[in-house]
Protein backbone atom coordinates (compact mmCIF):
# COMPACT_ATOMS: atom_id res chain seq x y z
CA UNK A 1 -27.05 -13.43 2.53
CA UNK A 2 -26.92 -9.63 2.93
CA UNK A 3 -25.54 -7.53 0.11
CA UNK A 4 -23.38 -4.36 1.28
CA UNK A 5 -24.10 -1.39 -1.28
CA UNK A 6 -20.60 0.00 -2.24
CA UNK A 7 -19.49 3.08 -3.13
CA UNK A 8 -16.13 3.94 -4.99
CA UNK A 9 -14.67 7.59 -4.67
CA UNK A 10 -12.04 8.12 -7.46
CA UNK A 11 -12.84 5.83 -10.47
CA UNK A 12 -9.71 5.80 -11.94
CA UNK A 13 -6.75 3.08 -12.73
CA UNK A 14 -7.28 1.67 -9.10
CA UNK A 15 -10.71 2.51 -8.48
CA UNK A 16 -11.70 0.49 -11.49
CA UNK A 17 -9.61 -2.20 -10.66
CA UNK A 18 -11.29 -2.39 -7.24
CA UNK A 19 -14.59 -2.05 -8.74
CA UNK A 20 -14.00 -5.48 -10.85
CA UNK A 21 -13.17 -7.16 -7.64
CA UNK A 22 -16.20 -6.07 -5.64
CA UNK A 23 -18.20 -7.40 -8.51
CA UNK A 24 -17.34 -10.85 -8.01
CA UNK A 25 -17.98 -10.50 -4.25
CA UNK A 26 -21.63 -12.34 -3.73
CA UNK A 27 -22.36 -9.68 -0.87
CA UNK A 28 -21.00 -6.77 -2.24
CA UNK A 29 -22.80 -4.43 -5.20
CA UNK A 30 -21.49 -0.99 -6.73
CA UNK A 31 -24.24 1.34 -6.59
CA UNK A 32 -22.42 4.74 -7.29
CA UNK A 33 -18.90 6.18 -8.24
CA UNK A 34 -17.14 9.42 -8.16
CA UNK A 35 -14.41 11.15 -10.35
CA UNK A 36 -13.92 14.10 -11.50
CA UNK A 37 -14.28 12.84 -14.99
CA UNK A 38 -17.95 12.31 -14.13
CA UNK A 39 -18.82 15.71 -13.83
CA UNK A 40 -22.48 16.79 -14.09
CA UNK A 41 -23.19 12.68 -13.74
CA UNK A 42 -21.56 12.91 -17.70
CA UNK A 43 -19.66 9.64 -18.61
CA UNK A 44 -20.23 7.07 -15.61
CA UNK A 45 -20.75 3.84 -16.11
CA UNK A 46 -23.96 2.44 -17.32
CA UNK A 47 -26.63 1.51 -14.79
CA UNK A 48 -24.67 3.23 -12.01
CA UNK A 49 -25.26 6.46 -10.32
CA UNK A 50 -22.04 8.87 -10.71
CA UNK A 51 -20.89 12.03 -9.28
CA UNK A 52 -18.20 14.64 -10.24
CA UNK A 53 -17.06 15.21 -6.70
CA UNK A 54 -16.39 12.57 -3.90
CA UNK A 55 -18.29 14.48 -1.27
CA UNK A 56 -21.34 14.84 -3.37
CA UNK A 57 -21.18 10.72 -3.54
CA UNK A 58 -21.11 10.59 0.10
CA UNK A 59 -24.14 12.94 1.28
CA UNK A 60 -26.24 11.59 -1.34
CA UNK A 61 -26.05 7.76 -1.01
CA UNK A 62 -26.82 5.66 1.94
CA UNK A 63 -23.98 3.37 1.29
CA UNK A 64 -22.63 0.29 3.65
CA UNK A 65 -19.36 1.03 2.87
CA UNK A 66 -17.33 3.48 0.87
CA UNK A 67 -14.05 2.78 -0.89
CA UNK A 68 -11.45 5.56 -1.14
CA UNK A 69 -9.58 5.30 -4.45
CA UNK A 70 -8.38 9.40 -4.71
CA UNK A 71 -5.18 11.10 -4.52
CA UNK A 72 -3.25 11.22 -0.93
CA UNK A 73 -4.48 14.79 -0.91
CA UNK A 74 -7.73 13.93 -0.37
CA UNK A 75 -7.65 10.38 0.96
CA UNK A 76 -8.19 11.31 4.30
CA UNK A 77 -10.83 13.67 4.15
CA UNK A 78 -13.02 11.20 1.91
CA UNK A 79 -12.56 8.60 4.84
CA UNK A 80 -13.26 10.85 7.43
CA UNK A 81 -16.48 11.53 5.89
CA UNK A 82 -17.57 8.01 4.91
CA UNK A 83 -17.16 7.32 8.83
CA UNK A 84 -18.71 10.32 9.93
CA UNK A 85 -22.04 9.14 7.63
CA UNK A 86 -21.89 6.03 8.94
CA UNK A 87 -20.23 3.87 6.25
CA UNK A 88 -17.28 1.58 6.82
CA UNK A 89 -14.12 2.22 4.96
CA UNK A 90 -12.01 0.78 2.67
CA UNK A 91 -8.94 3.39 1.48
CA UNK A 92 -5.96 2.97 -0.58
CA UNK A 93 -2.18 3.03 0.70
CA UNK A 94 -0.76 5.90 1.65
CA UNK A 95 -3.45 6.80 4.23
CA UNK A 96 -3.01 10.41 3.39
CA UNK A 97 -0.20 12.99 2.83
CA UNK A 98 1.27 12.79 6.08
CA UNK A 99 1.32 11.45 9.31
CA UNK A 100 -1.14 14.16 11.10
CA UNK A 101 -3.69 12.74 8.20
CA UNK A 102 -3.68 9.00 9.39
CA UNK A 103 -3.87 10.24 12.99
CA UNK A 104 -6.68 12.98 12.57
CA UNK A 105 -8.93 9.79 10.51
CA UNK A 106 -7.85 7.70 13.74
CA UNK A 107 -9.73 10.48 15.94
CA UNK A 108 -12.77 10.21 14.04
CA UNK A 109 -12.42 6.23 13.92
CA UNK A 110 -12.17 6.22 17.66
CA UNK A 111 -15.61 8.34 17.66
CA UNK A 112 -17.32 5.69 15.88
CA UNK A 113 -16.19 2.42 16.81
CA UNK A 114 -18.93 0.33 14.92
CA UNK A 115 -17.58 1.16 11.56
CA UNK A 116 -14.67 -0.93 10.15
CA UNK A 117 -11.76 1.03 8.67
CA UNK A 118 -9.29 -0.83 6.73
CA UNK A 119 -6.07 0.16 4.15
CA UNK A 120 -5.05 -1.21 0.72
CA UNK A 121 -1.47 -2.31 1.91
CA UNK A 122 -2.42 -5.25 -0.78
CA UNK A 123 1.09 -7.08 -0.99
CA UNK A 124 0.34 -8.40 2.50
CA UNK A 125 -2.16 -11.01 0.90
CA UNK A 126 0.29 -11.96 -2.26
CA UNK A 127 0.81 -15.77 -2.06
CA UNK A 128 4.59 -15.44 -1.80
CA UNK A 129 4.01 -13.02 1.29
CA UNK A 130 1.53 -15.20 2.88
CA UNK A 131 3.59 -18.20 2.60
CA UNK A 132 6.80 -16.53 3.78
CA UNK A 133 5.05 -15.17 6.88
CA UNK A 134 3.49 -18.48 7.48
CA UNK A 135 7.26 -20.33 7.61
CA UNK A 136 8.36 -17.58 9.98
CA UNK A 137 5.43 -17.80 12.33
CA UNK A 138 6.11 -21.54 12.21
CA UNK A 139 9.51 -21.54 13.53
CA UNK A 140 11.54 -23.79 11.52
CA UNK A 141 13.54 -21.64 10.10
CA UNK A 142 14.29 -19.69 13.31
CA UNK A 143 14.28 -15.87 14.23
CA UNK A 144 14.93 -13.43 11.65
CA UNK A 145 18.43 -11.47 11.74
CA UNK A 146 18.30 -9.12 8.94
CA UNK A 147 15.90 -8.03 5.87
CA UNK A 148 17.20 -6.49 2.47
CA UNK A 149 14.42 -5.08 0.01
CA UNK A 150 14.51 -3.61 -3.30
CA UNK A 151 11.15 -1.78 -5.09
CA UNK A 152 11.71 0.08 -7.90
CA UNK A 153 10.64 1.22 -11.25
CA UNK A 154 11.77 3.04 -14.13
CA UNK A 155 9.44 6.52 -13.49
CA UNK A 156 7.91 8.53 -11.05
CA UNK A 157 4.36 7.87 -12.72
CA UNK A 158 4.09 5.97 -15.45
CA UNK A 159 2.74 7.30 -18.92
CA UNK A 160 -1.14 8.13 -18.74
CA UNK A 161 -3.08 7.45 -21.80
CA UNK A 162 -4.70 10.25 -23.61
CA UNK A 163 -2.44 12.83 -21.41
CA UNK A 164 0.22 14.29 -22.67
CA UNK A 165 1.55 16.97 -20.53
CA UNK A 166 3.17 16.06 -17.51
CA UNK A 167 2.19 19.25 -15.48
CA UNK A 168 -1.46 17.83 -15.79
CA UNK A 169 -3.60 17.32 -12.79
CA UNK A 170 -3.63 13.33 -13.96
CA UNK A 171 -0.04 13.50 -12.94
CA UNK A 172 -0.69 14.15 -9.59
CA UNK A 173 2.04 11.95 -8.21
CA UNK A 174 4.52 14.30 -9.44
CA UNK A 175 3.79 16.91 -6.70
CA UNK A 176 4.59 17.59 -3.18
CA UNK A 177 1.64 19.74 -2.39
CA UNK A 178 -0.90 16.78 -3.52
CA UNK A 179 1.15 13.41 -3.16
CA UNK A 180 3.01 14.10 -0.13
CA UNK A 181 6.18 12.21 -1.13
CA UNK A 182 7.32 10.71 -3.86
CA UNK A 183 8.45 6.62 -4.92
CA UNK A 184 8.95 6.04 -1.36
CA UNK A 185 5.23 7.12 -0.29
CA UNK A 186 3.82 6.09 -3.33
CA UNK A 187 5.52 2.50 -3.94
CA UNK A 188 7.93 1.94 -1.47
CA UNK A 189 5.47 2.15 1.55
CA UNK A 190 4.76 -1.60 0.68
CA UNK A 191 8.06 -2.39 1.39
CA UNK A 192 8.29 -0.42 4.72
CA UNK A 193 4.82 -2.21 5.34
CA UNK A 194 6.36 -5.76 4.30
CA UNK A 195 9.62 -5.12 6.54
CA UNK A 196 7.57 -3.90 9.17
CA UNK A 197 5.40 -7.31 9.02
CA UNK A 198 8.39 -9.63 9.27
CA UNK A 199 11.12 -7.80 11.15
CA UNK A 200 8.78 -6.10 13.96
CA UNK A 201 8.80 -2.26 14.52
CA UNK A 202 12.12 -0.32 14.07
CA UNK A 203 13.57 2.20 16.25
CA UNK A 204 16.73 3.45 14.68
CA UNK A 205 16.48 4.57 11.28
CA UNK A 206 19.44 6.51 8.94
CA UNK A 207 19.10 7.41 5.32
CA UNK A 208 19.54 9.03 2.37
CA UNK A 209 16.60 10.81 0.02
CA UNK A 210 17.27 11.95 -3.22
CA UNK A 211 15.62 13.37 -6.24
CA UNK A 212 18.29 14.31 -8.36
CA UNK A 213 17.42 12.15 -11.57
CA UNK A 214 14.05 13.39 -12.09
CA UNK A 215 14.39 16.87 -10.55
CA UNK A 216 10.70 16.75 -9.21
CA UNK A 217 10.00 18.01 -5.47
CA UNK A 218 9.70 14.44 -4.69
CA UNK A 219 11.79 11.61 -4.09
CA UNK A 220 13.02 9.37 -6.72
CA UNK A 221 15.61 7.20 -4.46
CA UNK A 222 15.30 6.51 -0.83
CA UNK A 223 18.06 4.39 0.61
CA UNK A 224 17.70 3.43 4.35
CA UNK A 225 19.05 1.43 7.00
CA UNK A 226 16.98 0.37 10.12
CA UNK A 227 16.98 -1.39 13.43
CA UNK A 228 14.80 -2.80 15.56
CA UNK A 229 14.94 -2.83 19.38
CA UNK A 230 15.20 -7.08 19.03
CA UNK A 231 18.53 -6.24 16.72
CA UNK A 232 16.95 -6.96 13.17
CA UNK A 233 18.25 -4.86 10.53
CA UNK A 234 16.74 -3.70 7.35
CA UNK A 235 17.89 -2.33 4.53
CA UNK A 236 15.93 -0.64 1.77
CA UNK A 237 16.21 0.78 -1.57
CA UNK A 238 12.85 2.23 -2.98
CA UNK A 239 14.08 3.95 -6.51
CA UNK A 240 12.44 5.41 -9.31
CA UNK A 241 15.28 5.08 -11.49
CA UNK A 242 15.11 1.26 -11.60
CA UNK A 243 14.91 0.60 -15.50
CA UNK A 244 14.27 -3.02 -14.99
CA UNK A 245 11.03 -3.43 -12.99
CA UNK A 246 12.33 -5.34 -9.38
CA UNK A 247 10.74 -6.35 -6.28
CA UNK A 248 13.27 -7.85 -4.18
CA UNK A 249 12.76 -9.41 -0.50
CA UNK A 250 15.51 -11.14 1.45
CA UNK A 251 14.74 -12.45 4.98
CA UNK A 252 17.98 -13.73 6.56
CA UNK A 253 17.52 -16.14 9.51
CA UNK A 254 19.04 -18.21 11.70
CA UNK A 255 18.28 -21.24 10.30
CA UNK A 256 18.00 -20.30 6.65
CA UNK A 257 16.86 -17.63 4.46
CA UNK A 258 13.59 -16.45 2.38
CA UNK A 259 14.17 -14.90 -1.05
CA UNK A 260 10.92 -13.27 -2.38
CA UNK A 261 11.51 -12.12 -5.71
CA UNK A 262 9.00 -10.85 -8.49
CA UNK A 263 5.26 -9.74 -7.77
CA UNK A 264 2.19 -10.24 -9.83
CA UNK A 265 0.70 -6.74 -10.76
CA UNK A 266 -1.64 -5.64 -13.62
CA UNK A 267 1.50 -4.49 -15.53
CA UNK A 268 3.37 -8.00 -15.23
CA UNK A 269 7.07 -6.25 -15.28
CA UNK A 270 8.14 -7.27 -12.40
CA UNK A 271 8.42 -10.95 -13.10
CA UNK A 272 7.10 -14.17 -11.82
CA UNK A 273 6.22 -14.12 -8.69
CA UNK A 274 8.67 -16.69 -6.69
CA UNK A 275 9.76 -17.68 -3.20
CA UNK A 276 12.99 -19.50 -2.50
CA UNK A 277 13.54 -21.26 0.59
CA UNK A 278 17.54 -21.79 1.44
CA UNK A 279 17.70 -24.27 4.48
CA UNK A 280 21.27 -23.42 6.66
CA UNK A 281 24.01 -25.69 6.45
CA UNK A 282 27.47 -25.18 7.56
CA UNK A 283 29.11 -27.81 5.37
CA UNK A 284 27.17 -27.35 2.37
CA UNK A 285 30.34 -25.04 1.57
CA UNK A 286 27.71 -22.04 0.83
CA UNK A 287 26.03 -24.19 -1.85
CA UNK A 288 23.00 -25.31 0.30
CA UNK A 289 19.59 -27.30 -0.16
CA UNK A 290 16.65 -24.78 -1.56
CA UNK A 291 13.05 -25.00 -2.94
CA UNK A 292 12.00 -22.66 -5.33
CA UNK A 293 7.93 -22.12 -5.53
CA UNK A 294 6.59 -20.09 -8.65
CA UNK A 295 3.23 -18.36 -8.13
CA UNK A 296 0.75 -18.20 -11.39
CA UNK A 297 -2.07 -16.25 -10.34
CA UNK A 298 -2.31 -12.93 -8.31
CA UNK A 299 -5.18 -13.70 -5.81
CA UNK A 300 -4.29 -10.66 -3.38
CA UNK A 301 -7.09 -8.40 -4.52
CA UNK A 302 -9.69 -10.94 -4.05
CA UNK A 303 -8.73 -11.67 -0.94
CA UNK A 304 -8.40 -8.27 0.26
CA UNK A 305 -11.69 -7.09 -0.35
CA UNK A 306 -13.29 -10.58 0.44
CA UNK A 307 -11.51 -9.85 4.31
CA UNK A 308 -12.95 -6.77 4.54
CA UNK A 309 -16.78 -8.13 3.67
CA UNK A 310 -16.30 -10.60 6.58
CA UNK A 311 -15.03 -8.37 8.69
CA UNK A 312 -18.76 -6.29 7.86
CA UNK A 313 -20.77 -8.70 7.95
CA UNK A 314 -19.39 -10.82 10.81
CA UNK A 315 -18.42 -7.82 12.69
CA UNK A 316 -14.78 -8.80 13.61
CA UNK A 317 -11.65 -6.58 13.97
CA UNK A 318 -9.71 -5.43 10.95
CA UNK A 319 -6.76 -7.65 11.45
CA UNK A 320 -4.62 -6.77 8.39
CA UNK A 321 -4.37 -3.19 7.20
CA UNK A 322 -6.15 -1.47 10.49
CA UNK A 323 -5.64 2.19 10.86
CA UNK A 324 -3.06 1.14 13.82
CA UNK A 325 -0.87 -0.49 10.81
CA UNK A 326 -1.42 2.27 8.58
CA UNK A 327 -0.03 4.68 11.36
CA UNK A 328 2.85 2.62 12.33
CA UNK A 329 4.00 2.40 8.35
CA UNK A 330 3.10 6.10 7.96
CA UNK A 331 5.28 6.78 10.70
CA UNK A 332 8.13 4.82 9.55
CA UNK A 333 8.31 6.49 5.98
CA UNK A 334 8.16 10.12 7.91
CA UNK A 335 11.16 8.81 10.03
CA UNK A 336 13.23 7.53 6.87
CA UNK A 337 12.31 10.82 5.02
CA UNK A 338 13.17 12.85 8.54
CA UNK A 339 16.54 10.77 9.04
CA UNK A 340 17.96 12.52 6.28
CA UNK A 341 19.00 16.03 7.67
CA UNK A 342 19.26 17.72 4.27
CA UNK A 343 16.17 16.34 2.64
CA UNK A 344 13.98 17.21 6.23
CA UNK A 345 15.27 20.96 6.20
CA UNK A 346 14.94 21.46 2.80
CA UNK A 347 11.22 20.37 2.16
CA UNK A 348 10.32 21.49 6.34
CA UNK A 349 9.02 17.25 6.94
CA UNK A 350 8.29 16.65 9.90
CA UNK A 351 6.60 13.84 11.96
């Protein structure tokens, strides 16, 4: 089996997590990394070439694939550079700061049709999500009527070890000029992506977007109600004031419902990942038959990286997290922003 030479642009928390699972794949080998903390080649991982800037990494290394784990303001540039240097690219979500960023990436991608481009919408690879999607596609529970989702945590950015000053660049997620948005773009984008996955494309969007608690220039709460052309209605709450961390996705169908509760993460703070199947029964007086499955292991990172490697090695199209998916999800996030007239006007947000 061919060994793919991998570079990682951005070797922070997420970059190191990707590194771990890349190392476990038999057809991938990390040969170089970049991060600001490795400036002048100092302090990098033993046995690997390290750079202080992703541009240096891309220019100096002949890589088969590049993993982009950078702040939002740099993600699109690194992705474009990787494609232009003949590399396959895996980029973490979001694809950039704005919808314009991903549109620019797609223009470059079209000029390099032999390159694989995949975005890290990791939640689609979780066991509960895969099982729920299989049930919906199988049709045994009928068609989707509505979706209700809450995804929330207690802060805009968790405390970073060794960093005391909240104005430190390490806290870039709090700054619109770097991040582009707050809790909705950072975490809520996963829920937006899942709602598209289960409910189709949403055409009518209403919202309220707020930053009244944390008082930053990015949102700490976003509330949206959306309707698809087929009539599916979705309600979303993305929150940075959810003191007990929560992931909850309820999908109502004509023949029952699916409740995804908890999600396995590195922090283990969102509770046990479960899928509850409720079977519609008019005679059950609101207490119908249910089955519940709990998931113990998070296989999502391994599956996602394995998928990317398979697309490269077998020259197959990227089906989950391709650039079209990324554009549609990013577009819906920004339509939620723009649907709140006050928020759109205050920050000059546009599609």
